Amino acid sequence: MTFFRSLFWRLLLVVALLPLPGSGALAQEPIRIAFIDPLTGIFAAQGEGGLNQLRFAADYLVNNEGGILGGRQIEILALDNQASAQESQIQLRRAISQGARYVFSGNGSAAAAALSSAIERHNRRNPDDSVLYLNHAAVDPALTQQDCNFWHFRFDAHVDMKLDTLTSFIAENRDIERVYIIGQNYSLGRAVAESTVEWLNEKRSDIEIVGNELHPIGQVRDFTPYVTKILSSDADAVVTGNWGADMVSLARSLISAGADIPIYTFYAAYDGITETLGEEGVDRIYMVHAVRSNNALTEAQRQYNRQFKERFPEHDQSQARIANALRMLVTAMKEAGGTDPLDVALAMEDMRIESIGGETVWMRPDDHQAHQPLHISVHTDQDVEFDADNSGFGLRTVFTTPLEETIQDTQCRMSRPR
């Protein structure tokens, strides 16, 4: 009898020591964020760079500061979608099974569209197990226009917003009379082609579009035939939305062919592209983006970049919108007083934060499209405090559109959960 009495009291003591729901021990569980992007294949450089930028932002903004909501840390789950829409949905299911309720993804608008739709379906069927999608790079306008949904938030400017700025800059150059457009044959490339024509017709109707060509995404190994067409068209400038390996290969072919004309891009920097352009790209390659470059950095941005480079010397701080997205997410969690995705999403609507670069980022509630100043920078080797690819070359900002002038009408008709 004494044995059973002793066993009873021991079991009672064990139960008493177990954490209760809502206790401090439970609150210490990490907040899991899934990063779903290409981590293998020809676009792996973009995915790996983004992953390390998210890891750094999580530590810099949250983990090293003691966490949030009672000390909870952020844990990043790295998942490879192989730049595939189908694989993105597979990895989403894997993320949910591992307890992630927040998804960061961006490289590839087709993959982004698949994720956005899959998350919306999941949340409709599982309202108590919802997931929030933070899109840091996919810029097909449809994602916050006709195909918008409540659970999707975009932190990069979409194609029409970027091209409004880029074509304004092109229109100021009276030496440009003939433009050649080339891009990847999927939603992004098609959107860039269509919008470039529309914006240039509106701002400089005298500019002639001498070429408008799409090529298979991620499949062209030699761009020489395309560059030959560009040169034979006597174009004064090239506009491209190419990214990743396709941007590297196109740039290399243009340089090798001696194309001495300005090239206006979305993604012609970092991840091996800057190193490829080298001296030949100086004052010829322009990029539209949502972050200040070397000649316009704040001290806070300098410190952030320095510490990132110390931790990841092989990468560059090329996607500041990832840090912006995480900062807004964390701010919303604090305002919501928890991590329920619905409460956090509602808190993010109409939110304004200050970016690492000291600029305002506003999340429009109508379509969950972020608005921020847009910049055009040129490839240079002058006054480069932070170069790219450890190459000695980097970006210098030459043109800026204020936040208020980036705002465009939206076709979004969002169905809201409540």
Protein backbone atom coordinates (compact mmCIF):
# COMPACT_ATOMS: atom_id res chain seq x y z
CA MET A 1 0.00 0.00 0.00
CA THR A 2 2.88 2.32 0.86
CA PHE A 3 4.33 1.71 -2.64
CA PHE A 4 1.08 2.74 -4.40
CA ARG A 5 0.66 5.79 -2.17
CA SER A 6 4.21 6.89 -3.03
CA LEU A 7 3.59 6.31 -6.76
CA PHE A 8 0.38 8.35 -6.57
CA TRP A 9 2.13 11.36 -5.04
CA ARG A 10 4.96 11.17 -7.57
CA LEU A 11 2.53 11.16 -10.48
CA LEU A 12 0.64 14.05 -8.95
CA LEU A 13 3.88 16.02 -8.68
CA VAL A 14 4.73 15.33 -12.36
CA VAL A 15 1.27 16.53 -13.48
CA ALA A 16 1.61 19.66 -11.35
CA LEU A 17 4.88 20.51 -13.03
CA LEU A 18 3.51 20.21 -16.58
CA PRO A 19 2.94 23.58 -18.35
CA LEU A 20 -0.66 24.73 -18.53
CA PRO A 21 -2.17 26.14 -21.75
CA GLY A 22 -1.16 29.77 -22.04
CA SER A 23 1.71 29.34 -19.61
CA GLY A 24 5.14 30.85 -20.11
CA ALA A 25 6.62 27.56 -21.31
CA LEU A 26 4.07 27.29 -24.11
CA ALA A 27 4.61 30.92 -25.05
CA GLN A 28 8.26 30.15 -25.71
CA GLU A 29 7.45 27.93 -28.68
CA PRO A 30 8.93 29.47 -31.84
CA ILE A 31 6.89 31.22 -34.49
CA ARG A 32 7.51 29.12 -37.59
CA ILE A 33 7.80 30.89 -40.95
CA ALA A 34 8.15 28.83 -44.13
CA PHE A 35 10.41 30.17 -46.87
CA ILE A 36 9.31 28.55 -50.15
CA ASP A 37 11.52 29.48 -53.10
CA PRO A 38 13.94 27.81 -55.56
CA LEU A 39 16.89 26.47 -53.57
CA THR A 40 18.19 24.16 -56.30
CA GLY A 41 18.43 24.50 -60.07
CA ILE A 42 19.32 27.51 -62.22
CA PHE A 43 17.42 29.99 -60.01
CA ALA A 44 18.92 28.73 -56.74
CA ALA A 45 21.10 31.83 -56.28
CA GLN A 46 18.02 34.02 -55.89
CA GLY A 47 16.39 31.60 -53.47
CA GLU A 48 19.49 31.09 -51.33
CA GLY A 49 20.11 34.83 -51.19
CA GLY A 50 16.55 35.52 -50.10
CA LEU A 51 16.63 32.73 -47.51
CA ASN A 52 19.75 34.13 -45.86
CA GLN A 53 18.30 37.63 -45.91
CA LEU A 54 15.18 36.36 -44.12
CA ARG A 55 17.28 34.45 -41.58
CA PHE A 56 19.35 37.54 -40.89
CA ALA A 57 16.29 39.80 -40.61
CA ALA A 58 14.65 37.38 -38.15
CA ASP A 59 17.72 37.42 -35.91
CA TYR A 60 18.46 41.14 -36.28
CA LEU A 61 14.91 42.39 -35.78
CA VAL A 62 13.52 39.77 -33.38
CA ASN A 63 15.60 36.90 -32.03
CA ASN A 64 18.64 38.85 -30.90
CA GLU A 65 16.33 41.38 -29.24
CA GLY A 66 14.74 38.81 -26.95
CA GLY A 67 11.91 37.71 -29.23
CA ILE A 68 8.31 38.95 -29.23
CA LEU A 69 5.08 38.16 -27.39
CA GLY A 70 6.77 37.04 -24.22
CA GLY A 71 10.07 35.98 -25.71
CA ARG A 72 9.02 33.84 -28.67
CA GLN A 73 11.71 33.38 -31.31
CA ILE A 74 11.24 33.15 -35.08
CA GLU A 75 12.20 29.89 -36.74
CA ILE A 76 12.68 29.74 -40.53
CA LEU A 77 11.76 26.54 -42.40
CA ALA A 78 13.61 26.39 -45.74
CA LEU A 79 11.61 24.59 -48.46
CA ASP A 80 12.65 24.18 -52.09
CA ASN A 81 9.91 24.71 -54.68
CA GLN A 82 12.34 24.27 -57.61
CA ALA A 83 10.70 27.34 -59.24
CA SER A 84 7.66 25.13 -59.91
CA ALA A 85 4.02 25.99 -59.30
CA GLN A 86 3.18 22.36 -58.58
CA GLU A 87 6.12 21.87 -56.22
CA SER A 88 5.18 25.09 -54.42
CA GLN A 89 1.84 23.57 -53.46
CA ILE A 90 3.55 20.38 -52.26
CA GLN A 91 5.93 22.40 -50.10
CA LEU A 92 3.02 24.44 -48.75
CA ARG A 93 1.39 21.27 -47.43
CA ARG A 94 4.71 20.28 -45.90
CA ALA A 95 5.04 23.70 -44.24
CA ILE A 96 1.57 23.47 -42.74
CA SER A 97 2.28 19.98 -41.41
CA GLN A 98 5.38 21.38 -39.67
CA GLY A 99 3.39 24.09 -37.92
CA ALA A 100 4.13 27.09 -40.16
CA ARG A 101 1.29 29.60 -40.43
CA TYR A 102 3.27 32.21 -42.35
CA VAL A 103 4.78 31.74 -45.80
CA PHE A 104 7.42 33.92 -47.46
CA SER A 105 7.83 33.31 -51.19
CA GLY A 106 8.39 35.37 -54.31
CA ASN A 107 10.72 34.16 -57.03
CA GLY A 108 8.40 33.29 -59.87
CA SER A 109 4.95 34.79 -60.45
CA ALA A 110 3.56 31.45 -61.62
CA ALA A 111 4.61 29.84 -58.34
CA ALA A 112 3.25 32.83 -56.43
CA ALA A 113 -0.15 32.55 -58.14
CA ALA A 114 -0.31 28.84 -57.29
CA LEU A 115 0.57 29.52 -53.65
CA SER A 116 -1.92 32.35 -53.35
CA SER A 117 -4.75 30.20 -54.70
CA ALA A 118 -3.76 27.16 -52.62
CA ILE A 119 -3.61 29.19 -49.41
CA GLU A 120 -6.98 30.78 -50.10
CA ARG A 121 -8.54 27.32 -50.62
CA HIS A 122 -6.86 25.92 -47.51
CA ASN A 123 -8.09 28.79 -45.35
CA ARG A 124 -11.63 28.53 -46.69
CA ARG A 125 -11.71 24.84 -45.77
CA ASN A 126 -9.73 25.19 -42.53
CA PRO A 127 -10.70 28.53 -40.95
CA ASP A 128 -9.17 27.55 -37.61
CA ASP A 129 -5.86 26.57 -39.21
CA SER A 130 -5.30 29.51 -41.56
CA VAL A 131 -2.07 30.57 -43.30
CA LEU A 132 -0.83 34.01 -44.36
CA TYR A 133 1.25 34.58 -47.51
CA LEU A 134 3.87 37.34 -47.63
CA ASN A 135 5.00 37.77 -51.24
CA HIS A 136 8.38 39.49 -51.37
CA ALA A 137 9.23 39.33 -55.08
CA ALA A 138 6.54 38.09 -57.51
CA VAL A 139 5.36 41.18 -59.40
CA ASP A 140 2.68 40.04 -61.87
CA PRO A 141 0.02 42.77 -61.41
CA ALA A 142 -2.78 40.19 -61.35
CA LEU A 143 -1.76 39.03 -57.87
CA THR A 144 -3.11 42.26 -56.34
CA GLN A 145 -5.51 43.07 -59.14
CA GLN A 146 -8.08 40.65 -60.57
CA ASP A 147 -6.59 37.64 -58.74
CA CYS A 148 -6.17 39.27 -55.34
CA ASN A 149 -7.19 37.52 -52.15
CA PHE A 150 -7.32 38.48 -48.50
CA TRP A 151 -4.55 36.10 -47.41
CA HIS A 152 -1.95 37.44 -49.86
CA PHE A 153 0.21 40.54 -49.11
CA ARG A 154 2.74 41.81 -51.66
CA PHE A 155 5.79 43.80 -50.51
CA ASP A 156 7.39 44.57 -53.87
CA ALA A 157 5.94 47.01 -56.38
CA HIS A 158 4.16 45.26 -59.24
CA VAL A 159 5.09 45.50 -62.91
CA ASP A 160 2.89 48.49 -63.79
CA MET A 161 4.14 50.47 -60.80
CA LYS A 162 7.78 49.79 -61.68
CA LEU A 163 7.29 50.47 -65.37
CA ASP A 164 5.56 53.77 -64.68
CA THR A 165 8.80 54.88 -63.00
CA LEU A 166 11.10 53.22 -65.53
CA THR A 167 9.32 54.61 -68.62
CA SER A 168 9.27 58.11 -67.09
CA PHE A 169 13.04 57.87 -66.82
CA ILE A 170 13.37 56.54 -70.38
CA ALA A 171 11.07 59.25 -71.72
CA GLU A 172 13.41 61.95 -70.39
CA ASN A 173 16.23 60.64 -72.60
CA ARG A 174 15.56 62.31 -75.95
CA ASP A 175 18.31 60.22 -77.57
CA ILE A 176 16.09 57.14 -77.29
CA GLU A 177 13.86 56.70 -80.32
CA ARG A 178 13.83 52.92 -80.81
CA VAL A 179 13.25 50.34 -78.04
CA TYR A 180 13.58 46.57 -78.08
CA ILE A 181 11.63 44.55 -75.45
CA ILE A 182 12.74 41.04 -74.50
CA GLY A 183 11.54 38.82 -71.66
CA GLN A 184 10.74 35.40 -70.28
CA ASN A 185 7.68 33.71 -71.71
CA TYR A 186 5.44 33.52 -68.65
CA SER A 187 3.14 35.88 -66.75
CA LEU A 188 5.86 38.32 -65.66
CA GLY A 189 7.51 38.59 -69.07
CA ARG A 190 4.19 39.08 -70.81
CA ALA A 191 3.12 41.74 -68.30
CA VAL A 192 6.40 43.64 -68.77
CA ALA A 193 6.03 43.54 -72.56
CA GLU A 194 2.43 44.75 -72.58
CA SER A 195 2.92 47.49 -70.00
CA THR A 196 6.13 48.82 -71.54
CA VAL A 197 4.30 49.38 -74.83
CA GLU A 198 1.37 51.07 -73.09
CA TRP A 199 3.44 53.37 -70.90
CA LEU A 200 5.82 54.42 -73.69
CA ASN A 201 2.91 55.13 -76.03
CA GLU A 202 1.43 57.38 -73.36
CA LYS A 203 4.64 59.22 -72.43
CA ARG A 204 6.62 59.21 -75.68
CA SER A 205 4.45 58.25 -78.64
CA ASP A 206 7.39 59.03 -80.93
CA ILE A 207 9.37 56.06 -79.58
CA GLU A 208 9.20 53.07 -81.93
CA ILE A 209 9.02 49.54 -80.54
CA VAL A 210 11.41 47.73 -82.90
CA GLY A 211 11.19 44.34 -81.22
CA ASN A 212 8.96 42.61 -78.68
CA GLU A 213 10.10 39.06 -78.03
CA LEU A 214 9.57 36.36 -75.43
CA HIS A 215 11.83 33.36 -74.84
CA PRO A 216 11.37 30.15 -72.79
CA ILE A 217 12.08 30.75 -69.10
CA GLY A 218 15.17 29.02 -67.75
CA GLN A 219 15.88 27.10 -70.95
CA VAL A 220 18.00 29.37 -73.17
CA ARG A 221 21.71 28.65 -72.79
CA ASP A 222 22.90 30.92 -75.60
CA PHE A 223 21.20 34.29 -76.14
CA THR A 224 23.30 35.10 -79.21
CA PRO A 225 20.39 34.68 -81.68
CA TYR A 226 18.26 37.07 -79.64
CA VAL A 227 21.08 39.61 -79.28
CA THR A 228 21.71 39.43 -83.03
CA LYS A 229 18.10 40.51 -83.59
CA ILE A 230 18.49 43.35 -81.09
CA LEU A 231 21.60 44.66 -82.83
CA SER A 232 20.10 44.35 -86.29
CA SER A 233 17.03 46.35 -85.17
CA ASP A 234 19.19 49.44 -84.50
CA ALA A 235 17.53 49.77 -81.11
CA ASP A 236 18.60 52.70 -78.93
CA ALA A 237 17.67 50.84 -75.72
CA VAL A 238 16.57 47.46 -74.36
CA VAL A 239 13.88 46.81 -71.74
CA THR A 240 13.77 43.42 -69.98
CA GLY A 241 12.10 41.85 -66.97
CA ASN A 242 14.52 38.87 -66.99
CA TRP A 243 15.80 37.62 -63.67
CA GLY A 244 18.21 35.01 -62.36
CA ALA A 245 20.18 32.89 -64.81
CA ASP A 246 18.25 34.34 -67.75
CA MET A 247 19.36 37.86 -66.81
CA VAL A 248 22.97 36.71 -66.42
CA SER A 249 22.98 34.99 -69.83
CA LEU A 250 21.26 37.87 -71.61
CA ALA A 251 23.65 40.43 -70.10
CA ARG A 252 26.68 38.32 -70.97
CA SER A 253 25.55 37.97 -74.60
CA LEU A 254 24.80 41.68 -74.96
CA ILE A 255 28.24 42.59 -73.59
CA SER A 256 30.05 40.02 -75.72
CA ALA A 257 28.31 41.38 -78.82
CA GLY A 258 29.40 44.93 -77.99
CA ALA A 259 25.89 46.34 -77.60
CA ASP A 260 26.67 49.94 -76.62
CA ILE A 261 23.14 50.95 -75.64
CA PRO A 262 21.36 51.44 -72.28
CA ILE A 263 19.62 48.37 -70.87
CA TYR A 264 16.68 49.01 -68.55
CA THR A 265 15.91 46.16 -66.18
CA PHE A 266 14.09 44.92 -63.09
CA TYR A 267 16.78 42.57 -61.78
CA ALA A 268 20.19 43.32 -63.34
CA ALA A 269 22.18 43.28 -60.12
CA TYR A 270 23.52 40.81 -57.52
CA ASP A 271 23.52 37.00 -57.62
CA GLY A 272 26.31 36.84 -60.21
CA ILE A 273 24.78 39.40 -62.56
CA THR A 274 26.82 42.37 -61.35
CA GLU A 275 30.07 40.40 -61.58
CA THR A 276 29.15 39.35 -65.12
CA LEU A 277 28.45 42.92 -66.19
CA GLY A 278 31.67 44.25 -64.68
CA GLU A 279 33.35 47.19 -66.37
CA GLU A 280 31.25 46.85 -69.54
CA GLY A 281 28.05 47.51 -67.59
CA VAL A 282 29.13 50.83 -66.09
CA ASP A 283 26.65 53.63 -66.88
CA ARG A 284 24.77 51.31 -69.26
CA ILE A 285 22.72 49.02 -67.03
CA TYR A 286 19.78 50.53 -65.12
CA MET A 287 17.50 48.85 -62.59
CA VAL A 288 14.19 49.93 -61.05
CA HIS A 289 13.79 48.85 -57.44
CA ALA A 290 12.37 49.77 -54.04
CA VAL A 291 15.46 50.50 -51.96
CA ARG A 292 18.01 53.28 -51.77
CA SER A 293 21.44 52.53 -53.21
CA ASN A 294 24.96 53.51 -52.18
CA ASN A 295 24.74 57.27 -52.56
CA ALA A 296 21.50 57.53 -50.56
CA LEU A 297 21.97 55.13 -47.65
CA THR A 298 20.95 55.97 -44.09
CA GLU A 299 23.25 55.11 -41.19
CA ALA A 300 20.78 52.46 -39.99
CA GLN A 301 20.87 50.86 -43.43
CA ARG A 302 24.66 50.95 -43.48
CA GLN A 303 24.83 49.19 -40.12
CA TYR A 304 22.30 46.58 -41.23
CA ASN A 305 24.23 45.91 -44.45
CA ARG A 306 27.58 45.69 -42.65
CA GLN A 307 26.34 43.11 -40.15
CA PHE A 308 24.66 41.09 -42.88
CA LYS A 309 27.87 41.02 -44.90
CA GLU A 310 29.87 39.90 -41.87
CA ARG A 311 27.55 36.94 -41.42
CA PHE A 312 27.00 36.11 -45.10
CA PRO A 313 30.07 37.37 -47.01
CA GLU A 314 29.07 35.41 -50.12
CA HIS A 315 25.68 37.16 -50.38
CA ASP A 316 24.44 40.73 -50.76
CA GLN A 317 21.62 42.63 -49.08
CA SER A 318 19.69 42.67 -52.36
CA GLN A 319 16.09 42.17 -51.22
CA ALA A 320 15.35 44.74 -48.54
CA ARG A 321 11.65 44.10 -49.07
CA ILE A 322 12.13 40.81 -47.15
CA ALA A 323 13.17 42.78 -44.06
CA ASN A 324 10.28 45.18 -44.66
CA ALA A 325 7.82 42.30 -44.83
CA LEU A 326 9.13 40.76 -41.62
CA ARG A 327 9.13 44.10 -39.82
CA MET A 328 5.49 44.71 -40.77
CA LEU A 329 4.54 41.16 -39.81
CA VAL A 330 6.16 41.46 -36.38
CA THR A 331 4.57 44.89 -35.82
CA ALA A 332 1.17 43.42 -36.69
CA MET A 333 1.68 40.49 -34.29
CA LYS A 334 2.43 42.95 -31.51
CA GLU A 335 -0.66 45.02 -32.33
CA ALA A 336 -2.83 41.88 -32.55
CA GLY A 337 -1.39 40.55 -29.31
CA GLY A 338 -0.83 37.12 -30.83
CA THR A 339 -0.03 35.15 -33.96
CA ASP A 340 -3.46 34.19 -35.29
CA PRO A 341 -3.11 34.82 -39.06
CA LEU A 342 -6.53 36.46 -39.37
CA ASP A 343 -5.89 38.92 -36.55
CA VAL A 344 -2.41 39.63 -37.90
CA ALA A 345 -3.72 40.18 -41.44
CA LEU A 346 -6.31 42.67 -40.18
CA ALA A 347 -3.60 44.51 -38.24
CA MET A 348 -1.39 44.72 -41.36
CA GLU A 349 -4.09 46.42 -43.41
CA ASP A 350 -3.43 50.15 -43.82
CA MET A 351 -0.25 49.80 -41.75
CA ARG A 352 2.70 52.12 -42.27
CA ILE A 353 6.20 51.18 -41.15
CA GLU A 354 9.61 52.74 -41.56
CA SER A 355 11.96 50.57 -43.58
CA ILE A 356 15.59 49.88 -42.72
CA GLY A 357 16.38 52.58 -45.27
CA GLY A 358 14.22 55.14 -43.45
CA GLU A 359 11.45 55.20 -46.05
CA THR A 360 7.73 54.69 -45.43
CA VAL A 361 6.14 51.42 -46.57
CA TRP A 362 2.32 51.54 -46.69
CA MET A 363 0.12 48.46 -47.06
CA ARG A 364 -3.00 49.48 -48.98
CA PRO A 365 -6.01 47.70 -47.43
CA ASP A 366 -7.96 47.52 -50.71
CA ASP A 367 -5.66 45.00 -52.39
CA HIS A 368 -2.81 44.25 -49.93
CA GLN A 369 -0.29 45.93 -52.23
CA ALA A 370 2.65 47.66 -50.54
CA HIS A 371 3.53 51.17 -51.65
CA GLN A 372 6.91 52.81 -51.14
CA PRO A 373 9.27 55.13 -53.02
CA LEU A 374 10.72 53.60 -56.18
CA HIS A 375 14.26 54.22 -57.38
CA ILE A 376 16.27 53.77 -60.55
CA SER A 377 19.95 53.02 -60.08
CA VAL A 378 22.82 52.61 -62.50
CA HIS A 379 25.62 50.02 -62.52
CA THR A 380 28.80 51.78 -61.41
CA ASP A 381 32.25 51.49 -59.83
CA GLN A 382 32.23 55.00 -58.37
CA ASP A 383 31.66 55.58 -54.62
CA VAL A 384 30.49 52.00 -54.09
CA GLU A 385 30.37 51.52 -50.32
CA PHE A 386 28.50 48.23 -50.73
CA ASP A 387 29.34 46.41 -53.93
CA ALA A 388 27.61 43.32 -55.32
CA ASP A 389 29.08 39.84 -55.82
CA ASN A 390 32.26 41.15 -54.13
CA SER A 391 33.03 42.58 -57.56
CA GLY A 392 33.86 46.21 -56.85
CA PHE A 393 30.76 47.24 -58.82
CA GLY A 394 27.39 48.24 -57.44
CA LEU A 395 24.44 50.61 -57.80
CA ARG A 396 24.06 54.39 -57.63
CA THR A 397 20.59 55.91 -57.37
CA VAL A 398 19.84 58.41 -60.15
CA PHE A 399 16.04 58.80 -60.13
CA THR A 400 13.30 58.53 -57.48
CA THR A 401 9.50 58.42 -57.57
CA PRO A 402 7.87 59.38 -54.22
CA LEU A 403 5.46 56.93 -52.60
CA GLU A 404 2.42 59.06 -53.40
CA GLU A 405 3.21 58.99 -57.12
CA THR A 406 3.45 55.18 -57.23
CA ILE A 407 -0.23 54.70 -56.28
CA GLN A 408 -2.38 53.32 -59.08
CA ASP A 409 -5.99 52.20 -59.34
CA THR A 410 -6.75 48.58 -58.48
CA GLN A 411 -9.21 46.11 -59.95
CA CYS A 412 -9.16 44.01 -56.77
CA ARG A 413 -12.54 42.91 -55.45
CA MET A 414 -11.50 41.14 -52.29
CA SER A 415 -13.64 38.59 -50.51
CA ARG A 416 -13.04 39.09 -46.80
CA PRO A 417 -13.34 36.35 -44.13
CA ARG A 418 -15.31 38.66 -41.84
